[in-house]
Amino acid sequence: VPVPEEPGDVLSEAERRVAALAAQGHTNR
């Protein structure tokens, strides 16, 4: 899946993955 460049306050692909798991209640580990 092409990943566009994302400036400003747009979440990067990696940040979205981490945020989604954190929102589901996963711990950092």
mmCIF file of all heavy atoms, coordinates in Angstrom:
data_MODEL
# 
_entry.id   MODEL 
# 
loop_
_atom_site.group_PDB 
_atom_site.id 
_atom_site.type_symbol 
_atom_site.label_atom_id 
_atom_site.label_alt_id 
_atom_site.label_comp_id 
_atom_site.label_asym_id 
_atom_site.label_entity_id 
_atom_site.label_seq_id 
_atom_site.pdbx_PDB_ins_code 
_atom_site.Cartn_x 
_atom_site.Cartn_y 
_atom_site.Cartn_z 
_atom_site.occupancy 
_atom_site.B_iso_or_equiv 
_atom_site.pdbx_formal_charge 
_atom_site.auth_seq_id 
_atom_site.auth_comp_id 
_atom_site.auth_asym_id 
_atom_site.auth_atom_id 
_atom_site.pdbx_PDB_model_num 
ATOM 1   N N   . VAL A 1 1  ? 0.853  -1.183 0.000  1.00 0.00 ? 1  VAL A N   1 
ATOM 2   C CA  . VAL A 1 1  ? 0.000  0.000  0.000  1.00 0.00 ? 1  VAL A CA  1 
ATOM 3   C C   . VAL A 1 1  ? 0.887  1.230  0.000  1.00 0.00 ? 1  VAL A C   1 
ATOM 4   O O   . VAL A 1 1  ? 1.719  1.393  0.888  1.00 0.00 ? 1  VAL A O   1 
ATOM 5   C CB  . VAL A 1 1  ? -0.901 0.027  1.268  1.00 0.00 ? 1  VAL A CB  1 
ATOM 6   C CG1 . VAL A 1 1  ? -1.848 1.214  1.210  1.00 0.00 ? 1  VAL A CG1 1 
ATOM 7   C CG2 . VAL A 1 1  ? -1.682 -1.265 1.360  1.00 0.00 ? 1  VAL A CG2 1 
ATOM 8   N N   . PRO A 1 2  ? 0.767  2.126  -0.998 1.00 0.00 ? 2  PRO A N   1 
ATOM 9   C CA  . PRO A 1 2  ? 1.602  3.321  -0.993 1.00 0.00 ? 2  PRO A CA  1 
ATOM 10  C C   . PRO A 1 2  ? 1.353  4.159  0.246  1.00 0.00 ? 2  PRO A C   1 
ATOM 11  O O   . PRO A 1 2  ? 0.210  4.356  0.657  1.00 0.00 ? 2  PRO A O   1 
ATOM 12  C CB  . PRO A 1 2  ? 1.146  4.073  -2.258 1.00 0.00 ? 2  PRO A CB  1 
ATOM 13  C CG  . PRO A 1 2  ? 0.457  3.046  -3.098 1.00 0.00 ? 2  PRO A CG  1 
ATOM 14  C CD  . PRO A 1 2  ? -0.145 2.075  -2.132 1.00 0.00 ? 2  PRO A CD  1 
ATOM 15  N N   . VAL A 1 3  ? 2.402  4.650  0.842  1.00 0.00 ? 3  VAL A N   1 
ATOM 16  C CA  . VAL A 1 3  ? 2.288  5.500  2.029  1.00 0.00 ? 3  VAL A CA  1 
ATOM 17  C C   . VAL A 1 3  ? 2.702  6.911  1.653  1.00 0.00 ? 3  VAL A C   1 
ATOM 18  O O   . VAL A 1 3  ? 3.859  7.140  1.303  1.00 0.00 ? 3  VAL A O   1 
ATOM 19  C CB  . VAL A 1 3  ? 3.183  4.986  3.172  1.00 0.00 ? 3  VAL A CB  1 
ATOM 20  C CG1 . VAL A 1 3  ? 3.023  5.869  4.402  1.00 0.00 ? 3  VAL A CG1 1 
ATOM 21  C CG2 . VAL A 1 3  ? 2.811  3.563  3.520  1.00 0.00 ? 3  VAL A CG2 1 
ATOM 22  N N   . PRO A 1 4  ? 1.798  7.878  1.677  1.00 0.00 ? 4  PRO A N   1 
ATOM 23  C CA  . PRO A 1 4  ? 2.139  9.236  1.261  1.00 0.00 ? 4  PRO A CA  1 
ATOM 24  C C   . PRO A 1 4  ? 2.982  9.951  2.297  1.00 0.00 ? 4  PRO A C   1 
ATOM 25  O O   . PRO A 1 4  ? 3.039  9.553  3.456  1.00 0.00 ? 4  PRO A O   1 
ATOM 26  C CB  . PRO A 1 4  ? 0.757  9.906  1.130  1.00 0.00 ? 4  PRO A CB  1 
ATOM 27  C CG  . PRO A 1 4  ? -0.095 9.169  2.114  1.00 0.00 ? 4  PRO A CG  1 
ATOM 28  C CD  . PRO A 1 4  ? 0.404  7.754  2.107  1.00 0.00 ? 4  PRO A CD  1 
ATOM 29  N N   . GLU A 1 5  ? 3.640  11.006 1.856  1.00 0.00 ? 5  GLU A N   1 
ATOM 30  C CA  . GLU A 1 5  ? 4.332  11.879 2.792  1.00 0.00 ? 5  GLU A CA  1 
ATOM 31  C C   . GLU A 1 5  ? 3.290  12.607 3.616  1.00 0.00 ? 5  GLU A C   1 
ATOM 32  O O   . GLU A 1 5  ? 2.284  13.098 3.087  1.00 0.00 ? 5  GLU A O   1 
ATOM 33  C CB  . GLU A 1 5  ? 5.197  12.894 2.021  1.00 0.00 ? 5  GLU A CB  1 
ATOM 34  C CG  . GLU A 1 5  ? 6.352  12.265 1.276  1.00 0.00 ? 5  GLU A CG  1 
ATOM 35  C CD  . GLU A 1 5  ? 7.365  11.673 2.230  1.00 0.00 ? 5  GLU A CD  1 
ATOM 36  O OE1 . GLU A 1 5  ? 7.594  12.266 3.304  1.00 0.00 ? 5  GLU A OE1 1 
ATOM 37  O OE2 . GLU A 1 5  ? 7.934  10.620 1.905  1.00 0.00 ? 5  GLU A OE2 1 
ATOM 38  N N   . GLU A 1 6  ? 3.518  12.742 4.910  1.00 0.00 ? 6  GLU A N   1 
ATOM 39  C CA  . GLU A 1 6  ? 2.490  13.288 5.784  1.00 0.00 ? 6  GLU A CA  1 
ATOM 40  C C   . GLU A 1 6  ? 3.082  14.380 6.672  1.00 0.00 ? 6  GLU A C   1 
ATOM 41  O O   . GLU A 1 6  ? 3.748  14.100 7.665  1.00 0.00 ? 6  GLU A O   1 
ATOM 42  C CB  . GLU A 1 6  ? 1.904  12.182 6.660  1.00 0.00 ? 6  GLU A CB  1 
ATOM 43  C CG  . GLU A 1 6  ? 1.243  11.092 5.830  1.00 0.00 ? 6  GLU A CG  1 
ATOM 44  C CD  . GLU A 1 6  ? 0.753  9.965  6.694  1.00 0.00 ? 6  GLU A CD  1 
ATOM 45  O OE1 . GLU A 1 6  ? 1.545  9.432  7.475  1.00 0.00 ? 6  GLU A OE1 1 
ATOM 46  O OE2 . GLU A 1 6  ? -0.436 9.639  6.590  1.00 0.00 ? 6  GLU A OE2 1 
ATOM 47  N N   . PRO A 1 7  ? 2.868  15.646 6.325  1.00 0.00 ? 7  PRO A N   1 
ATOM 48  C CA  . PRO A 1 7  ? 3.417  16.738 7.104  1.00 0.00 ? 7  PRO A CA  1 
ATOM 49  C C   . PRO A 1 7  ? 2.532  17.118 8.275  1.00 0.00 ? 7  PRO A C   1 
ATOM 50  O O   . PRO A 1 7  ? 1.437  16.593 8.456  1.00 0.00 ? 7  PRO A O   1 
ATOM 51  C CB  . PRO A 1 7  ? 3.464  17.873 6.070  1.00 0.00 ? 7  PRO A CB  1 
ATOM 52  C CG  . PRO A 1 7  ? 2.262  17.599 5.195  1.00 0.00 ? 7  PRO A CG  1 
ATOM 53  C CD  . PRO A 1 7  ? 2.147  16.105 5.125  1.00 0.00 ? 7  PRO A CD  1 
ATOM 54  N N   . GLY A 1 8  ? 3.033  18.061 9.037  1.00 0.00 ? 8  GLY A N   1 
ATOM 55  C CA  . GLY A 1 8  ? 2.224  18.695 10.071 1.00 0.00 ? 8  GLY A CA  1 
ATOM 56  C C   . GLY A 1 8  ? 1.735  17.756 11.133 1.00 0.00 ? 8  GLY A C   1 
ATOM 57  O O   . GLY A 1 8  ? 2.478  16.958 11.677 1.00 0.00 ? 8  GLY A O   1 
ATOM 58  N N   . ASP A 1 9  ? 0.436  17.860 11.449 1.00 0.00 ? 9  ASP A N   1 
ATOM 59  C CA  . ASP A 1 9  ? -0.165 17.084 12.515 1.00 0.00 ? 9  ASP A CA  1 
ATOM 60  C C   . ASP A 1 9  ? -0.772 15.770 12.025 1.00 0.00 ? 9  ASP A C   1 
ATOM 61  O O   . ASP A 1 9  ? -1.513 15.127 12.755 1.00 0.00 ? 9  ASP A O   1 
ATOM 62  C CB  . ASP A 1 9  ? -1.258 17.914 13.211 1.00 0.00 ? 9  ASP A CB  1 
ATOM 63  C CG  . ASP A 1 9  ? -0.662 19.002 14.090 1.00 0.00 ? 9  ASP A CG  1 
ATOM 64  O OD1 . ASP A 1 9  ? 0.539  18.906 14.399 1.00 0.00 ? 9  ASP A OD1 1 
ATOM 65  O OD2 . ASP A 1 9  ? -1.387 19.946 14.439 1.00 0.00 ? 9  ASP A OD2 1 
ATOM 66  N N   . VAL A 1 10 ? -0.506 15.381 10.819 1.00 0.00 ? 10 VAL A N   1 
ATOM 67  C CA  . VAL A 1 10 ? -1.013 14.114 10.308 1.00 0.00 ? 10 VAL A CA  1 
ATOM 68  C C   . VAL A 1 10 ? -0.155 12.990 10.874 1.00 0.00 ? 10 VAL A C   1 
ATOM 69  O O   . VAL A 1 10 ? 1.066  13.051 10.869 1.00 0.00 ? 10 VAL A O   1 
ATOM 70  C CB  . VAL A 1 10 ? -0.976 14.103 8.764  1.00 0.00 ? 10 VAL A CB  1 
ATOM 71  C CG1 . VAL A 1 10 ? -1.478 12.762 8.235  1.00 0.00 ? 10 VAL A CG1 1 
ATOM 72  C CG2 . VAL A 1 10 ? -1.797 15.246 8.203  1.00 0.00 ? 10 VAL A CG2 1 
ATOM 73  N N   . LEU A 1 11 ? -0.790 11.947 11.367 1.00 0.00 ? 11 LEU A N   1 
ATOM 74  C CA  . LEU A 1 11 ? -0.053 10.821 11.934 1.00 0.00 ? 11 LEU A CA  1 
ATOM 75  C C   . LEU A 1 11 ? 0.642  10.032 10.836 1.00 0.00 ? 11 LEU A C   1 
ATOM 76  O O   . LEU A 1 11 ? 0.065  9.779  9.780  1.00 0.00 ? 11 LEU A O   1 
ATOM 77  C CB  . LEU A 1 11 ? -1.000 9.898  12.695 1.00 0.00 ? 11 LEU A CB  1 
ATOM 78  C CG  . LEU A 1 11 ? -1.706 10.470 13.925 1.00 0.00 ? 11 LEU A CG  1 
ATOM 79  C CD1 . LEU A 1 11 ? -2.573 9.388  14.569 1.00 0.00 ? 11 LEU A CD1 1 
ATOM 80  C CD2 . LEU A 1 11 ? -0.711 11.009 14.926 1.00 0.00 ? 11 LEU A CD2 1 
ATOM 81  N N   . SER A 1 12 ? 1.866  9.650  11.111 1.00 0.00 ? 12 SER A N   1 
ATOM 82  C CA  . SER A 1 12 ? 2.581  8.788  10.179 1.00 0.00 ? 12 SER A CA  1 
ATOM 83  C C   . SER A 1 12 ? 2.011  7.380  10.266 1.00 0.00 ? 12 SER A C   1 
ATOM 84  O O   . SER A 1 12 ? 1.240  7.047  11.181 1.00 0.00 ? 12 SER A O   1 
ATOM 85  C CB  . SER A 1 12 ? 4.073  8.764  10.499 1.00 0.00 ? 12 SER A CB  1 
ATOM 86  O OG  . SER A 1 12 ? 4.298  8.047  11.708 1.00 0.00 ? 12 SER A OG  1 
ATOM 87  N N   . GLU A 1 13 ? 2.418  6.534  9.313  1.00 0.00 ? 13 GLU A N   1 
ATOM 88  C CA  . GLU A 1 13 ? 1.954  5.139  9.318  1.00 0.00 ? 13 GLU A CA  1 
ATOM 89  C C   . GLU A 1 13 ? 2.322  4.453  10.636 1.00 0.00 ? 13 GLU A C   1 
ATOM 90  O O   . GLU A 1 13 ? 1.502  3.773  11.252 1.00 0.00 ? 13 GLU A O   1 
ATOM 91  C CB  . GLU A 1 13 ? 2.587  4.395  8.135  1.00 0.00 ? 13 GLU A CB  1 
ATOM 92  C CG  . GLU A 1 13 ? 2.256  2.916  8.120  1.00 0.00 ? 13 GLU A CG  1 
ATOM 93  C CD  . GLU A 1 13 ? 3.239  2.133  7.255  1.00 0.00 ? 13 GLU A CD  1 
ATOM 94  O OE1 . GLU A 1 13 ? 4.165  2.745  6.685  1.00 0.00 ? 13 GLU A OE1 1 
ATOM 95  O OE2 . GLU A 1 13 ? 3.093  0.915  7.183  1.00 0.00 ? 13 GLU A OE2 1 
ATOM 96  N N   . ALA A 1 14 ? 3.572  4.637  11.073 1.00 0.00 ? 14 ALA A N   1 
ATOM 97  C CA  . ALA A 1 14 ? 4.028  3.988  12.302 1.00 0.00 ? 14 ALA A CA  1 
ATOM 98  C C   . ALA A 1 14 ? 3.258  4.511  13.508 1.00 0.00 ? 14 ALA A C   1 
ATOM 99  O O   . ALA A 1 14 ? 2.892  3.747  14.409 1.00 0.00 ? 14 ALA A O   1 
ATOM 100 C CB  . ALA A 1 14 ? 5.520  4.218  12.488 1.00 0.00 ? 14 ALA A CB  1 
ATOM 101 N N   . GLU A 1 15 ? 3.011  5.814  13.531 1.00 0.00 ? 15 GLU A N   1 
ATOM 102 C CA  . GLU A 1 15 ? 2.260  6.400  14.653 1.00 0.00 ? 15 GLU A CA  1 
ATOM 103 C C   . GLU A 1 15 ? 0.831  5.891  14.688 1.00 0.00 ? 15 GLU A C   1 
ATOM 104 O O   . GLU A 1 15 ? 0.267  5.650  15.766 1.00 0.00 ? 15 GLU A O   1 
ATOM 105 C CB  . GLU A 1 15 ? 2.299  7.925  14.538 1.00 0.00 ? 15 GLU A CB  1 
ATOM 106 C CG  . GLU A 1 15 ? 3.670  8.518  14.824 1.00 0.00 ? 15 GLU A CG  1 
ATOM 107 C CD  . GLU A 1 15 ? 3.836  9.929  14.322 1.00 0.00 ? 15 GLU A CD  1 
ATOM 108 O OE1 . GLU A 1 15 ? 2.889  10.465 13.685 1.00 0.00 ? 15 GLU A OE1 1 
ATOM 109 O OE2 . GLU A 1 15 ? 4.911  10.508 14.545 1.00 0.00 ? 15 GLU A OE2 1 
ATOM 110 N N   . ARG A 1 16 ? 0.218  5.700  13.523 1.00 0.00 ? 16 ARG A N   1 
ATOM 111 C CA  . ARG A 1 16 ? -1.149 5.172  13.479 1.00 0.00 ? 16 ARG A CA  1 
ATOM 112 C C   . ARG A 1 16 ? -1.208 3.758  14.040 1.00 0.00 ? 16 ARG A C   1 
ATOM 113 O O   . ARG A 1 16 ? -2.132 3.397  14.773 1.00 0.00 ? 16 ARG A O   1 
ATOM 114 C CB  . ARG A 1 16 ? -1.669 5.173  12.031 1.00 0.00 ? 16 ARG A CB  1 
ATOM 115 C CG  . ARG A 1 16 ? -2.104 6.542  11.536 1.00 0.00 ? 16 ARG A CG  1 
ATOM 116 C CD  . ARG A 1 16 ? -2.922 6.420  10.247 1.00 0.00 ? 16 ARG A CD  1 
ATOM 117 N NE  . ARG A 1 16 ? -2.127 5.882  9.152  1.00 0.00 ? 16 ARG A NE  1 
ATOM 118 C CZ  . ARG A 1 16 ? -1.394 6.612  8.316  1.00 0.00 ? 16 ARG A CZ  1 
ATOM 119 N NH1 . ARG A 1 16 ? -1.335 7.908  8.494  1.00 0.00 ? 16 ARG A NH1 1 
ATOM 120 N NH2 . ARG A 1 16 ? -0.736 6.052  7.332  1.00 0.00 ? 16 ARG A NH2 1 
ATOM 121 N N   . ARG A 1 17 ? -0.208 2.945  13.681 1.00 0.00 ? 17 ARG A N   1 
ATOM 122 C CA  . ARG A 1 17 ? -0.206 1.560  14.176 1.00 0.00 ? 17 ARG A CA  1 
ATOM 123 C C   . ARG A 1 17 ? -0.089 1.535  15.690 1.00 0.00 ? 17 ARG A C   1 
ATOM 124 O O   . ARG A 1 17 ? -0.820 0.801  16.375 1.00 0.00 ? 17 ARG A O   1 
ATOM 125 C CB  . ARG A 1 17 ? 0.954  0.790  13.534 1.00 0.00 ? 17 ARG A CB  1 
ATOM 126 C CG  . ARG A 1 17 ? 0.851  0.615  12.039 1.00 0.00 ? 17 ARG A CG  1 
ATOM 127 C CD  . ARG A 1 17 ? 1.738  -0.530 11.559 1.00 0.00 ? 17 ARG A CD  1 
ATOM 128 N NE  . ARG A 1 17 ? 3.136  -0.348 11.907 1.00 0.00 ? 17 ARG A NE  1 
ATOM 129 C CZ  . ARG A 1 17 ? 4.040  0.218  11.120 1.00 0.00 ? 17 ARG A CZ  1 
ATOM 130 N NH1 . ARG A 1 17 ? 3.669  0.686  9.939  1.00 0.00 ? 17 ARG A NH1 1 
ATOM 131 N NH2 . ARG A 1 17 ? 5.307  0.315  11.493 1.00 0.00 ? 17 ARG A NH2 1 
ATOM 132 N N   . VAL A 1 18 ? 0.841  2.322  16.218 1.00 0.00 ? 18 VAL A N   1 
ATOM 133 C CA  . VAL A 1 18 ? 1.044  2.363  17.671 1.00 0.00 ? 18 VAL A CA  1 
ATOM 134 C C   . VAL A 1 18 ? -0.202 2.919  18.357 1.00 0.00 ? 18 VAL A C   1 
ATOM 135 O O   . VAL A 1 18 ? -0.667 2.383  19.372 1.00 0.00 ? 18 VAL A O   1 
ATOM 136 C CB  . VAL A 1 18 ? 2.288  3.202  18.009 1.00 0.00 ? 18 VAL A CB  1 
ATOM 137 C CG1 . VAL A 1 18 ? 2.368  3.461  19.510 1.00 0.00 ? 18 VAL A CG1 1 
ATOM 138 C CG2 . VAL A 1 18 ? 3.555  2.506  17.533 1.00 0.00 ? 18 VAL A CG2 1 
ATOM 139 N N   . ALA A 1 19 ? -0.761 3.997  17.802 1.00 0.00 ? 19 ALA A N   1 
ATOM 140 C CA  . ALA A 1 19 ? -1.939 4.626  18.417 1.00 0.00 ? 19 ALA A CA  1 
ATOM 141 C C   . ALA A 1 19 ? -3.126 3.671  18.442 1.00 0.00 ? 19 ALA A C   1 
ATOM 142 O O   . ALA A 1 19 ? -3.866 3.602  19.435 1.00 0.00 ? 19 ALA A O   1 
ATOM 143 C CB  . ALA A 1 19 ? -2.295 5.901  17.659 1.00 0.00 ? 19 ALA A CB  1 
ATOM 144 N N   . ALA A 1 20 ? -3.313 2.927  17.358 1.00 0.00 ? 20 ALA A N   1 
ATOM 145 C CA  . ALA A 1 20 ? -4.443 1.999  17.291 1.00 0.00 ? 20 ALA A CA  1 
ATOM 146 C C   . ALA A 1 20 ? -4.349 0.927  18.371 1.00 0.00 ? 20 ALA A C   1 
ATOM 147 O O   . ALA A 1 20 ? -5.337 0.604  19.044 1.00 0.00 ? 20 ALA A O   1 
ATOM 148 C CB  . ALA A 1 20 ? -4.508 1.358  15.909 1.00 0.00 ? 20 ALA A CB  1 
ATOM 149 N N   . LEU A 1 21 ? -3.150 0.387  18.562 1.00 0.00 ? 21 LEU A N   1 
ATOM 150 C CA  . LEU A 1 21 ? -2.971 -0.648 19.586 1.00 0.00 ? 21 LEU A CA  1 
ATOM 151 C C   . LEU A 1 21 ? -3.095 -0.069 20.987 1.00 0.00 ? 21 LEU A C   1 
ATOM 152 O O   . LEU A 1 21 ? -3.675 -0.700 21.884 1.00 0.00 ? 21 LEU A O   1 
ATOM 153 C CB  . LEU A 1 21 ? -1.616 -1.324 19.400 1.00 0.00 ? 21 LEU A CB  1 
ATOM 154 C CG  . LEU A 1 21 ? -1.494 -2.203 18.149 1.00 0.00 ? 21 LEU A CG  1 
ATOM 155 C CD1 . LEU A 1 21 ? -0.052 -2.650 17.939 1.00 0.00 ? 21 LEU A CD1 1 
ATOM 156 C CD2 . LEU A 1 21 ? -2.412 -3.412 18.250 1.00 0.00 ? 21 LEU A CD2 1 
ATOM 157 N N   . ALA A 1 22 ? -2.559 1.129  21.192 1.00 0.00 ? 22 ALA A N   1 
ATOM 158 C CA  . ALA A 1 22 ? -2.675 1.770  22.509 1.00 0.00 ? 22 ALA A CA  1 
ATOM 159 C C   . ALA A 1 22 ? -4.136 2.053  22.836 1.00 0.00 ? 22 ALA A C   1 
ATOM 160 O O   . ALA A 1 22 ? -4.573 1.888  23.984 1.00 0.00 ? 22 ALA A O   1 
ATOM 161 C CB  . ALA A 1 22 ? -1.856 3.056  22.538 1.00 0.00 ? 22 ALA A CB  1 
ATOM 162 N N   . ALA A 1 23 ? -4.893 2.480  21.836 1.00 0.00 ? 23 ALA A N   1 
ATOM 163 C CA  . ALA A 1 23 ? -6.315 2.762  22.053 1.00 0.00 ? 23 ALA A CA  1 
ATOM 164 C C   . ALA A 1 23 ? -7.091 1.501  22.390 1.00 0.00 ? 23 ALA A C   1 
ATOM 165 O O   . ALA A 1 23 ? -8.125 1.554  23.074 1.00 0.00 ? 23 ALA A O   1 
ATOM 166 C CB  . ALA A 1 23 ? -6.907 3.425  20.807 1.00 0.00 ? 23 ALA A CB  1 
ATOM 167 N N   . GLN A 1 24 ? -6.605 0.344  21.937 1.00 0.00 ? 24 GLN A N   1 
ATOM 168 C CA  . GLN A 1 24 ? -7.259 -0.924 22.251 1.00 0.00 ? 24 GLN A CA  1 
ATOM 169 C C   . GLN A 1 24 ? -6.879 -1.459 23.627 1.00 0.00 ? 24 GLN A C   1 
ATOM 170 O O   . GLN A 1 24 ? -7.352 -2.512 24.035 1.00 0.00 ? 24 GLN A O   1 
ATOM 171 C CB  . GLN A 1 24 ? -6.894 -1.963 21.187 1.00 0.00 ? 24 GLN A CB  1 
ATOM 172 C CG  . GLN A 1 24 ? -7.437 -1.649 19.803 1.00 0.00 ? 24 GLN A CG  1 
ATOM 173 C CD  . GLN A 1 24 ? -6.826 -2.519 18.720 1.00 0.00 ? 24 GLN A CD  1 
ATOM 174 O OE1 . GLN A 1 24 ? -6.256 -3.570 19.005 1.00 0.00 ? 24 GLN A OE1 1 
ATOM 175 N NE2 . GLN A 1 24 ? -6.924 -2.076 17.477 1.00 0.00 ? 24 GLN A NE2 1 
ATOM 176 N N   . GLY A 1 25 ? -5.983 -0.734 24.321 1.00 0.00 ? 25 GLY A N   1 
ATOM 177 C CA  . GLY A 1 25 ? -5.621 -1.125 25.676 1.00 0.00 ? 25 GLY A CA  1 
ATOM 178 C C   . GLY A 1 25 ? -4.314 -1.871 25.808 1.00 0.00 ? 25 GLY A C   1 
ATOM 179 O O   . GLY A 1 25 ? -3.972 -2.341 26.897 1.00 0.00 ? 25 GLY A O   1 
ATOM 180 N N   . HIS A 1 26 ? -3.554 -2.004 24.734 1.00 0.00 ? 26 HIS A N   1 
ATOM 181 C CA  . HIS A 1 26 ? -2.263 -2.687 24.802 1.00 0.00 ? 26 HIS A CA  1 
ATOM 182 C C   . HIS A 1 26 ? -1.252 -1.844 25.576 1.00 0.00 ? 26 HIS A C   1 
ATOM 183 O O   . HIS A 1 26 ? -1.232 -0.619 25.473 1.00 0.00 ? 26 HIS A O   1 
ATOM 184 C CB  . HIS A 1 26 ? -1.709 -2.952 23.396 1.00 0.00 ? 26 HIS A CB  1 
ATOM 185 C CG  . HIS A 1 26 ? -2.481 -3.967 22.621 1.00 0.00 ? 26 HIS A CG  1 
ATOM 186 N ND1 . HIS A 1 26 ? -3.768 -3.750 22.151 1.00 0.00 ? 26 HIS A ND1 1 
ATOM 187 C CD2 . HIS A 1 26 ? -2.148 -5.216 22.216 1.00 0.00 ? 26 HIS A CD2 1 
ATOM 188 C CE1 . HIS A 1 26 ? -4.178 -4.817 21.491 1.00 0.00 ? 26 HIS A CE1 1 
ATOM 189 N NE2 . HIS A 1 26 ? -3.225 -5.719 21.519 1.00 0.00 ? 26 HIS A NE2 1 
ATOM 190 N N   . THR A 1 27 ? -0.408 -2.497 26.341 1.00 0.00 ? 27 THR A N   1 
ATOM 191 C CA  . THR A 1 27 ? 0.691  -1.808 27.014 1.00 0.00 ? 27 THR A CA  1 
ATOM 192 C C   . THR A 1 27 ? 1.804  -1.523 26.011 1.00 0.00 ? 27 THR A C   1 
ATOM 193 O O   . THR A 1 27 ? 1.828  -2.089 24.907 1.00 0.00 ? 27 THR A O   1 
ATOM 194 C CB  . THR A 1 27 ? 1.265  -2.650 28.157 1.00 0.00 ? 27 THR A CB  1 
ATOM 195 O OG1 . THR A 1 27 ? 1.889  -3.820 27.595 1.00 0.00 ? 27 THR A OG1 1 
ATOM 196 C CG2 . THR A 1 27 ? 0.173  -3.075 29.138 1.00 0.00 ? 27 THR A CG2 1 
ATOM 197 N N   . ASN A 1 28 ? 2.737  -0.652 26.409 1.00 0.00 ? 28 ASN A N   1 
ATOM 198 C CA  . ASN A 1 28 ? 3.856  -0.348 25.516 1.00 0.00 ? 28 ASN A CA  1 
ATOM 199 C C   . ASN A 1 28 ? 4.657  -1.597 25.170 1.00 0.00 ? 28 ASN A C   1 
ATOM 200 O O   . ASN A 1 28 ? 5.102  -1.773 24.036 1.00 0.00 ? 28 ASN A O   1 
ATOM 201 C CB  . ASN A 1 28 ? 4.778  0.699  26.153 1.00 0.00 ? 28 ASN A CB  1 
ATOM 202 C CG  . ASN A 1 28 ? 4.137  2.076  26.187 1.00 0.00 ? 28 ASN A CG  1 
ATOM 203 O OD1 . ASN A 1 28 ? 2.990  2.247  25.766 1.00 0.00 ? 28 ASN A OD1 1 
ATOM 204 N ND2 . ASN A 1 28 ? 4.858  3.058  26.679 1.00 0.00 ? 28 ASN A ND2 1 
ATOM 205 N N   . ARG A 1 29 ? 4.858  -2.479 26.149 1.00 0.00 ? 29 ARG A N   1 
ATOM 206 C CA  . ARG A 1 29 ? 5.616  -3.692 25.885 1.00 0.00 ? 29 ARG A CA  1 
ATOM 207 C C   . ARG A 1 29 ? 4.850  -4.617 24.943 1.00 0.00 ? 29 ARG A C   1 
ATOM 208 O O   . ARG A 1 29 ? 5.445  -5.262 24.078 1.00 0.00 ? 29 ARG A O   1 
ATOM 209 C CB  . ARG A 1 29 ? 5.944  -4.406 27.201 1.00 0.00 ? 29 ARG A CB  1 
ATOM 210 C CG  . ARG A 1 29 ? 6.836  -5.632 27.031 1.00 0.00 ? 29 ARG A CG  1 
ATOM 211 C CD  . ARG A 1 29 ? 7.491  -6.032 28.324 1.00 0.00 ? 29 ARG A CD  1 
ATOM 212 N NE  . ARG A 1 29 ? 8.417  -5.020 28.810 1.00 0.00 ? 29 ARG A NE  1 
ATOM 213 C CZ  . ARG A 1 29 ? 9.650  -4.854 28.343 1.00 0.00 ? 29 ARG A CZ  1 
ATOM 214 N NH1 . ARG A 1 29 ? 10.107 -5.623 27.372 1.00 0.00 ? 29 ARG A NH1 1 
ATOM 215 N NH2 . ARG A 1 29 ? 10.422 -3.918 28.847 1.00 0.00 ? 29 ARG A NH2 1 
# 
